[in-house]
Amino acid sequence: MPGHAGELARRLAREAEAVCRHYLTNGRREGRYWMIGDVRNTPGRSMFVRLSGPEFGKGAAGKWTDAATGEHGDLLDVIGATCALDDFHDVEAEARRFLSLPRPQADPESKPRPSSVPVGSPESARRLFAMSQPIARTLVETYLRNRGITALHGTGNLRFHPRCYYRPDRDRPTETWPAMIAAVTDLGGRITGAHRTWLDPHGFDPVRLGKAPIETPRRAMGHLLGNAVRFGIARDVAAAGEGIETMLSLRCVVPDMPMMAALSAAHLAAILFPATLRRLYVVRDNDPAGDGALDQLFDRAHAARIDAVALLPQGDDFNADLRRFGIEALQAAVRIQIVPEDVARFMRL
C-alpha cells in the first residue's frame, strides 16, 4: 500500500467504530468487533471488523475478515465497496471527506444513514458497468456461443464481470459469480440501469443453459421503465422484445436491424419509441405475458402512427428456435414475417 494510503488507513483505524457506524449501517457492535454480512453492507454476521487493537500486525484495529468467503482487508476497502467506488482516488477523497466530519455521539436507536451511492440506483448501475470488461474471449462470449448466438458485432453494451456479487436473501451470505452485465439505456444513450446474468464457470448445462446454479440468475437494477438494452441505433425501423438472448438470436438472421431488449413483458409493453420510428417489429415470447405485451405495444404503436408487425417464434422464443432448428431454418421463418423492403435492407442473404 502506498505511504499516503497507508497513513489514511491508519487514521481510519483509529476511528474504526465511527467508520463502521457510518458505512456499515446494517451491522452492530459485539464486544471488540463490528458484525455485518459482507463488505457491501449486507445484513448478516459472517464478516467482522476489529474495532480495537494494535496499530500494526495481527489483530490490528480496522482490519476485517469475511468468514464466508475468506476475503479480508481494511477500512478503505469498506468505503470503496459500500460507496461503489472503483477508482482508488475516489476512495481516498471519500475517506478524507469522512475524516473531516464531526463525530456525533453513537445512538443505537438512530436511523441508519444511507450510503452515498444507494444500492440499485442508476449511479450504482453505471459504476458496475464501468468496473466490468469487454466480452471478447471471456465466459460471456462462451455463454452466448453455446446458446447458438454468433452475431456479436455492436455488443459494446454487454460486459463481463468475473466476481459479481449475488445476494440470495437477508439470512444467507453474499456469493460471487461471474456475470454478463448489460447496460440499460434511455433514448439518448445514457445508462439508467444494468441487467445481470450470473453464469456457471464450470460449463454449459442444457437445463440451465449456462446460467449459474442459483435461485434467481437474472436480476436488474436502476431505472428500467421505458428503457432497454440496445443493439444498434434505432431510427425509422427497429425490433423490440423481452430477453437479451432472444434479441441477439434474431440479430443472427437480421444482423443490420436495430434491436431493443426490454428485459420483461411488463417493460416491453412500456418501452419508449424513438421520435423517428416508423415501423416496429414486436418480438413475442410464446406465453400469456408475451401475448399481453404484444397487444399493449400494438395499441401504443398505432396511437403513435407507427406500423407494428409481430414476429412469432415456433417454440418458446427465438433462442429456443435457433438452438433447436439452426440458423438457416430461423432465417427462413423470420424472412416471411418481415416486410419485403426490410428483407433487402436488413438481411444478408
Protein backbone atom coordinates (compact mmCIF):
# COMPACT_ATOMS: atom_id res chain seq x y z
CA MET A 1 0.00 0.00 0.00
CA PRO A 2 1.45 3.43 -0.91
CA GLY A 3 2.64 5.54 2.00
CA HIS A 4 -0.14 8.11 1.84
CA ALA A 5 -2.76 5.36 1.54
CA GLY A 6 -1.25 3.51 4.49
CA GLU A 7 -1.41 6.64 6.63
CA LEU A 8 -5.04 7.18 5.58
CA ALA A 9 -5.88 3.59 6.55
CA ARG A 10 -4.25 4.09 9.97
CA ARG A 11 -6.24 7.30 10.56
CA LEU A 12 -9.42 5.45 9.70
CA ALA A 13 -8.44 2.56 12.01
CA ARG A 14 -8.22 4.98 14.95
CA GLU A 15 -11.90 5.79 14.26
CA ALA A 16 -12.91 2.24 13.34
CA GLU A 17 -16.25 2.25 15.15
CA ALA A 18 -17.25 5.61 13.65
CA VAL A 19 -16.36 4.29 10.18
CA CYS A 20 -18.50 1.18 10.75
CA ARG A 21 -21.45 3.16 12.09
CA HIS A 22 -21.30 5.45 9.06
CA TYR A 23 -20.73 2.95 6.21
CA LEU A 24 -21.80 -0.46 7.61
CA THR A 25 -25.18 0.70 8.85
CA ASN A 26 -26.78 -2.75 8.74
CA GLY A 27 -24.32 -4.15 11.31
CA ARG A 28 -23.88 -3.83 15.06
CA ARG A 29 -21.12 -3.81 17.64
CA GLU A 30 -20.47 -7.01 19.55
CA GLY A 31 -17.59 -6.70 22.01
CA ARG A 32 -14.46 -5.63 20.17
CA TYR A 33 -15.96 -6.32 16.75
CA TRP A 34 -18.49 -4.86 14.30
CA MET A 35 -20.57 -7.71 12.84
CA ILE A 36 -22.07 -7.43 9.32
CA GLY A 37 -22.97 -9.70 6.41
CA ASP A 38 -20.29 -8.54 3.99
CA VAL A 39 -18.17 -5.59 2.93
CA ARG A 40 -21.06 -4.17 0.84
CA ASN A 41 -23.24 -3.61 3.95
CA THR A 42 -25.45 -6.67 3.56
CA PRO A 43 -27.19 -7.65 6.83
CA GLY A 44 -25.70 -10.73 8.47
CA ARG A 45 -22.92 -11.94 10.74
CA SER A 46 -20.27 -13.54 8.54
CA MET A 47 -17.92 -10.50 8.39
CA PHE A 48 -16.29 -8.96 11.45
CA VAL A 49 -14.32 -5.72 11.74
CA ARG A 50 -11.85 -5.33 14.60
CA LEU A 51 -12.63 -2.10 16.46
CA SER A 52 -9.66 -2.05 18.83
CA GLY A 53 -6.18 -3.48 18.82
CA PRO A 54 -2.59 -2.60 17.88
CA GLU A 55 -1.85 -0.15 15.08
CA PHE A 56 0.06 -2.76 13.07
CA GLY A 57 0.19 -6.51 12.70
CA LYS A 58 -2.19 -9.31 13.57
CA GLY A 59 -5.42 -8.21 15.20
CA ALA A 60 -4.95 -4.56 14.20
CA ALA A 61 -7.91 -2.23 14.54
CA GLY A 62 -9.76 -1.58 11.29
CA LYS A 63 -8.94 -4.97 9.75
CA TRP A 64 -11.87 -7.10 8.61
CA THR A 65 -12.39 -10.71 7.55
CA ASP A 66 -15.39 -12.32 5.88
CA ALA A 67 -15.62 -15.84 7.31
CA ALA A 68 -17.95 -16.93 4.49
CA THR A 69 -15.64 -16.03 1.61
CA GLY A 70 -12.19 -15.69 3.18
CA GLU A 71 -11.92 -12.13 1.89
CA HIS A 72 -10.18 -9.60 4.12
CA GLY A 73 -9.00 -6.01 4.03
CA ASP A 74 -9.06 -2.65 5.76
CA LEU A 75 -11.48 0.24 6.12
CA LEU A 76 -10.53 1.75 2.76
CA ASP A 77 -11.98 -1.40 1.20
CA VAL A 78 -15.16 -0.88 3.22
CA ILE A 79 -15.54 2.67 1.94
CA GLY A 80 -14.88 1.63 -1.64
CA ALA A 81 -17.38 -1.24 -1.55
CA THR A 82 -20.25 0.48 0.26
CA CYS A 83 -19.97 3.60 -1.92
CA ALA A 84 -19.47 1.55 -5.13
CA LEU A 85 -16.19 3.34 -5.89
CA ASP A 86 -13.88 1.53 -8.30
CA ASP A 87 -11.18 4.24 -8.61
CA PHE A 88 -8.81 4.49 -5.62
CA HIS A 89 -8.59 8.27 -5.99
CA ASP A 90 -12.36 8.41 -5.37
CA VAL A 91 -11.97 6.14 -2.33
CA GLU A 92 -9.26 8.43 -0.95
CA ALA A 93 -11.43 11.50 -1.50
CA GLU A 94 -14.39 9.89 0.29
CA ALA A 95 -12.15 8.79 3.19
CA ARG A 96 -10.75 12.29 3.61
CA ARG A 97 -14.27 13.72 3.47
CA PHE A 98 -15.33 11.34 6.24
CA LEU A 99 -12.32 12.18 8.43
CA SER A 100 -13.19 15.87 8.21
CA LEU A 101 -16.73 15.30 9.55
CA PRO A 102 -17.58 15.95 13.24
CA ARG A 103 -18.10 12.78 15.27
CA PRO A 104 -21.67 12.52 16.60
CA GLN A 105 -22.40 10.56 19.77
CA ALA A 106 -23.31 6.97 18.95
CA ASP A 107 -27.07 6.48 19.16
CA PRO A 108 -28.13 2.85 18.82
CA GLU A 109 -31.73 3.94 18.17
CA SER A 110 -30.85 6.36 15.38
CA LYS A 111 -31.92 5.62 11.83
CA PRO A 112 -29.11 4.16 9.66
CA ARG A 113 -27.64 6.64 7.22
CA PRO A 114 -27.76 5.61 3.54
CA SER A 115 -24.52 5.20 1.61
CA SER A 116 -23.55 7.91 -0.85
CA VAL A 117 -24.45 5.64 -3.78
CA PRO A 118 -27.68 3.73 -2.98
CA VAL A 119 -27.66 0.07 -3.93
CA GLY A 120 -29.68 -0.49 -7.10
CA SER A 121 -29.57 3.14 -8.23
CA PRO A 122 -28.67 4.26 -11.79
CA GLU A 123 -25.34 5.53 -10.47
CA SER A 124 -24.63 2.14 -8.91
CA ALA A 125 -25.52 0.51 -12.26
CA ARG A 126 -23.14 2.84 -14.11
CA ARG A 127 -20.32 2.01 -11.69
CA LEU A 128 -20.94 -1.73 -12.07
CA PHE A 129 -20.80 -1.43 -15.85
CA ALA A 130 -17.60 0.64 -15.67
CA MET A 131 -15.97 -1.98 -13.42
CA SER A 132 -16.68 -4.74 -15.98
CA GLN A 133 -14.69 -5.65 -19.09
CA PRO A 134 -15.46 -6.25 -22.80
CA ILE A 135 -16.85 -9.70 -23.55
CA ALA A 136 -14.31 -10.83 -26.16
CA ARG A 137 -12.60 -14.07 -25.10
CA THR A 138 -14.49 -14.19 -21.80
CA LEU A 139 -17.09 -16.51 -20.28
CA VAL A 140 -19.83 -14.22 -21.65
CA GLU A 141 -18.74 -14.87 -25.23
CA THR A 142 -18.60 -18.61 -24.50
CA TYR A 143 -22.06 -18.49 -22.92
CA LEU A 144 -23.62 -16.72 -25.91
CA ARG A 145 -21.96 -19.00 -28.47
CA ASN A 146 -23.14 -22.05 -26.51
CA ARG A 147 -26.66 -20.70 -26.98
CA GLY A 148 -26.11 -20.51 -30.75
CA ILE A 149 -25.54 -16.74 -30.83
CA THR A 150 -22.66 -15.90 -33.15
CA ALA A 151 -23.54 -12.34 -34.29
CA LEU A 152 -21.67 -10.37 -31.62
CA HIS A 153 -20.99 -7.20 -33.60
CA GLY A 154 -22.08 -3.99 -31.91
CA THR A 155 -22.43 -5.55 -28.45
CA GLY A 156 -20.39 -2.94 -26.58
CA ASN A 157 -23.23 -2.56 -24.08
CA LEU A 158 -22.54 -6.11 -22.86
CA ARG A 159 -19.70 -6.62 -20.39
CA PHE A 160 -18.15 -9.38 -18.28
CA HIS A 161 -17.65 -9.19 -14.51
CA PRO A 162 -15.61 -12.12 -13.11
CA ARG A 163 -16.84 -11.77 -9.49
CA CYS A 164 -20.23 -10.08 -9.39
CA TYR A 165 -21.99 -10.05 -6.02
CA TYR A 166 -25.12 -12.16 -5.65
CA ARG A 167 -27.28 -11.86 -2.52
CA PRO A 168 -29.53 -14.93 -2.05
CA ASP A 169 -31.59 -13.39 0.78
CA ARG A 170 -31.14 -11.48 4.02
CA ASP A 171 -30.22 -14.57 6.07
CA ARG A 172 -27.60 -16.12 3.79
CA PRO A 173 -24.08 -14.89 2.97
CA THR A 174 -23.37 -12.97 -0.21
CA GLU A 175 -21.87 -15.04 -3.04
CA THR A 176 -19.79 -14.07 -6.04
CA TRP A 177 -20.29 -15.50 -9.54
CA PRO A 178 -19.11 -14.47 -13.00
CA ALA A 179 -21.78 -12.45 -14.75
CA MET A 180 -22.86 -10.89 -18.02
CA ILE A 181 -23.57 -7.20 -17.37
CA ALA A 182 -25.88 -5.42 -19.82
CA ALA A 183 -26.28 -1.64 -19.87
CA VAL A 184 -29.87 -0.39 -19.88
CA THR A 185 -30.03 2.97 -21.66
CA ASP A 186 -32.58 5.68 -22.40
CA LEU A 187 -33.31 7.12 -25.84
CA GLY A 188 -30.34 9.45 -25.50
CA GLY A 189 -27.92 6.60 -24.80
CA ARG A 190 -27.44 7.38 -21.10
CA ILE A 191 -27.09 4.35 -18.81
CA THR A 192 -30.08 4.21 -16.45
CA GLY A 193 -29.71 0.65 -15.19
CA ALA A 194 -27.93 -2.67 -15.55
CA HIS A 195 -29.02 -6.26 -16.01
CA ARG A 196 -27.01 -9.10 -14.52
CA THR A 197 -27.00 -12.70 -15.75
CA TRP A 198 -24.89 -14.84 -13.41
CA LEU A 199 -23.05 -17.61 -15.27
CA ASP A 200 -21.81 -21.08 -14.41
CA PRO A 201 -18.00 -21.09 -14.60
CA HIS A 202 -17.93 -24.90 -14.77
CA GLY A 203 -19.55 -25.37 -18.17
CA PHE A 204 -22.77 -25.31 -20.18
CA ASP A 205 -25.69 -27.18 -18.65
CA PRO A 206 -28.50 -27.98 -21.14
CA VAL A 207 -31.11 -27.35 -18.43
CA ARG A 208 -29.81 -24.05 -17.05
CA LEU A 209 -28.34 -23.10 -20.45
CA GLY A 210 -25.11 -21.83 -18.91
CA LYS A 211 -26.63 -19.77 -16.12
CA ALA A 212 -25.29 -20.15 -12.57
CA PRO A 213 -26.98 -22.75 -10.31
CA ILE A 214 -28.65 -20.14 -8.11
CA GLU A 215 -32.26 -19.28 -7.37
CA THR A 216 -32.52 -16.09 -9.45
CA PRO A 217 -29.68 -15.99 -12.01
CA ARG A 218 -31.10 -12.82 -13.64
CA ARG A 219 -31.64 -9.51 -11.89
CA ALA A 220 -31.95 -5.91 -12.99
CA MET A 221 -31.17 -2.67 -11.19
CA GLY A 222 -31.72 1.04 -11.81
CA HIS A 223 -34.44 2.80 -13.81
CA LEU A 224 -35.84 0.31 -16.34
CA LEU A 225 -39.31 1.58 -17.29
CA GLY A 226 -39.32 2.81 -20.87
CA ASN A 227 -35.65 1.97 -21.35
CA ALA A 228 -33.88 -1.04 -22.86
CA VAL A 229 -30.67 -2.89 -23.64
CA ARG A 230 -29.96 -1.63 -27.17
CA PHE A 231 -28.11 -3.15 -30.12
CA GLY A 232 -27.65 -0.56 -32.84
CA ILE A 233 -29.22 2.89 -33.10
CA ALA A 234 -32.96 2.81 -33.81
CA ARG A 235 -34.13 5.32 -36.41
CA ASP A 236 -37.09 4.53 -38.67
CA VAL A 237 -37.17 0.72 -38.20
CA ALA A 238 -36.37 -1.36 -35.11
CA ALA A 239 -37.31 -4.58 -33.30
CA ALA A 240 -38.22 -4.85 -29.62
CA GLY A 241 -38.59 -7.91 -27.40
CA GLU A 242 -38.07 -9.16 -23.87
CA GLY A 243 -34.83 -11.07 -23.39
CA ILE A 244 -31.27 -10.25 -24.36
CA GLU A 245 -30.66 -13.73 -25.74
CA THR A 246 -33.94 -13.61 -27.68
CA MET A 247 -32.99 -10.38 -29.43
CA LEU A 248 -29.41 -11.49 -30.09
CA SER A 249 -30.79 -14.69 -31.67
CA LEU A 250 -32.99 -12.67 -34.02
CA ARG A 251 -29.98 -10.48 -34.76
CA CYS A 252 -28.15 -13.53 -36.10
CA VAL A 253 -30.58 -13.61 -39.05
CA VAL A 254 -31.39 -9.87 -39.30
CA PRO A 255 -27.92 -8.55 -38.42
CA ASP A 256 -28.39 -4.95 -39.56
CA MET A 257 -31.70 -4.21 -37.84
CA PRO A 258 -31.51 -2.17 -34.58
CA MET A 259 -32.85 -4.13 -31.61
CA MET A 260 -34.10 -3.35 -28.11
CA ALA A 261 -34.38 -5.84 -25.22
CA ALA A 262 -36.81 -4.56 -22.58
CA LEU A 263 -35.98 -7.43 -20.13
CA SER A 264 -39.58 -8.35 -19.21
CA ALA A 265 -43.07 -8.41 -20.69
CA ALA A 266 -44.21 -5.52 -18.49
CA HIS A 267 -41.27 -3.36 -19.52
CA LEU A 268 -41.71 -4.32 -23.17
CA ALA A 269 -45.29 -3.01 -23.09
CA ALA A 270 -43.99 0.33 -21.76
CA ILE A 271 -40.90 0.78 -23.94
CA LEU A 272 -40.43 4.32 -25.28
CA PHE A 273 -40.33 4.91 -29.04
CA PRO A 274 -37.65 6.99 -30.79
CA ALA A 275 -39.22 10.10 -32.35
CA THR A 276 -38.17 8.97 -35.86
CA LEU A 277 -39.57 5.43 -35.58
CA ARG A 278 -41.98 4.44 -38.37
CA ARG A 279 -42.07 0.63 -38.12
CA LEU A 280 -41.65 -1.55 -35.04
CA TYR A 281 -41.22 -5.32 -35.10
CA VAL A 282 -42.58 -6.70 -31.83
CA VAL A 283 -40.84 -9.96 -30.90
CA ARG A 284 -43.25 -12.08 -28.91
CA ASP A 285 -42.40 -14.75 -26.36
CA ASN A 286 -44.80 -17.68 -26.56
CA ASP A 287 -46.56 -17.27 -23.21
CA PRO A 288 -49.56 -15.33 -21.82
CA ALA A 289 -47.35 -12.45 -20.64
CA GLY A 290 -45.91 -12.19 -24.15
CA ASP A 291 -49.43 -12.02 -25.62
CA GLY A 292 -50.36 -9.19 -23.26
CA ALA A 293 -47.21 -7.21 -24.04
CA LEU A 294 -47.81 -7.65 -27.77
CA ASP A 295 -51.37 -6.30 -27.53
CA GLN A 296 -50.39 -3.28 -25.42
CA LEU A 297 -47.42 -2.41 -27.60
CA PHE A 298 -49.54 -2.67 -30.77
CA ASP A 299 -52.08 -0.26 -29.29
CA ARG A 300 -49.38 2.24 -28.29
CA ALA A 301 -47.63 1.98 -31.66
CA HIS A 302 -50.83 2.54 -33.62
CA ALA A 303 -51.69 5.56 -31.45
CA ALA A 304 -48.25 6.97 -32.31
CA ARG A 305 -48.80 6.23 -36.04
CA ILE A 306 -46.11 3.56 -36.05
CA ASP A 307 -46.59 0.43 -38.15
CA ALA A 308 -46.38 -2.56 -35.77
CA VAL A 309 -45.51 -6.05 -37.06
CA ALA A 310 -45.44 -9.17 -34.89
CA LEU A 311 -42.56 -11.65 -35.12
CA LEU A 312 -43.62 -15.03 -33.76
CA PRO A 313 -41.31 -17.94 -32.80
CA GLN A 314 -42.23 -21.57 -33.30
CA GLY A 315 -41.12 -22.53 -29.81
CA ASP A 316 -40.91 -20.57 -26.57
CA ASP A 317 -38.75 -17.81 -28.05
CA PHE A 318 -36.30 -17.19 -30.88
CA ASN A 319 -33.31 -18.52 -28.95
CA ALA A 320 -35.14 -21.82 -28.46
CA ASP A 321 -35.82 -21.87 -32.21
CA LEU A 322 -32.17 -21.08 -33.01
CA ARG A 323 -30.88 -23.89 -30.81
CA ARG A 324 -33.46 -26.42 -31.99
CA PHE A 325 -33.73 -25.74 -35.72
CA GLY A 326 -30.49 -23.92 -36.62
CA ILE A 327 -29.75 -20.56 -38.15
CA GLU A 328 -30.91 -21.34 -41.72
CA ALA A 329 -34.34 -22.51 -40.57
CA LEU A 330 -34.68 -19.47 -38.29
CA GLN A 331 -33.74 -17.16 -41.16
CA ALA A 332 -36.37 -18.74 -43.40
CA ALA A 333 -39.03 -18.44 -40.70
CA VAL A 334 -38.26 -14.79 -39.98
CA ARG A 335 -37.94 -13.82 -43.66
CA ILE A 336 -41.59 -14.50 -44.40
CA GLN A 337 -42.70 -12.39 -41.41
CA ILE A 338 -40.92 -9.12 -42.16
CA VAL A 339 -41.78 -6.51 -44.77
CA PRO A 340 -40.11 -7.27 -48.17
CA GLU A 341 -38.25 -3.97 -48.32
CA ASP A 342 -36.77 -4.73 -44.89
CA VAL A 343 -35.59 -8.14 -46.12
CA ALA A 344 -33.42 -6.38 -48.69
CA ARG A 345 -32.35 -3.73 -46.23
CA PHE A 346 -31.53 -5.71 -43.09
CA MET A 347 -31.00 -9.37 -44.04
CA ARG A 348 -27.74 -10.60 -45.55
CA LEU A 349 -28.99 -13.31 -47.90
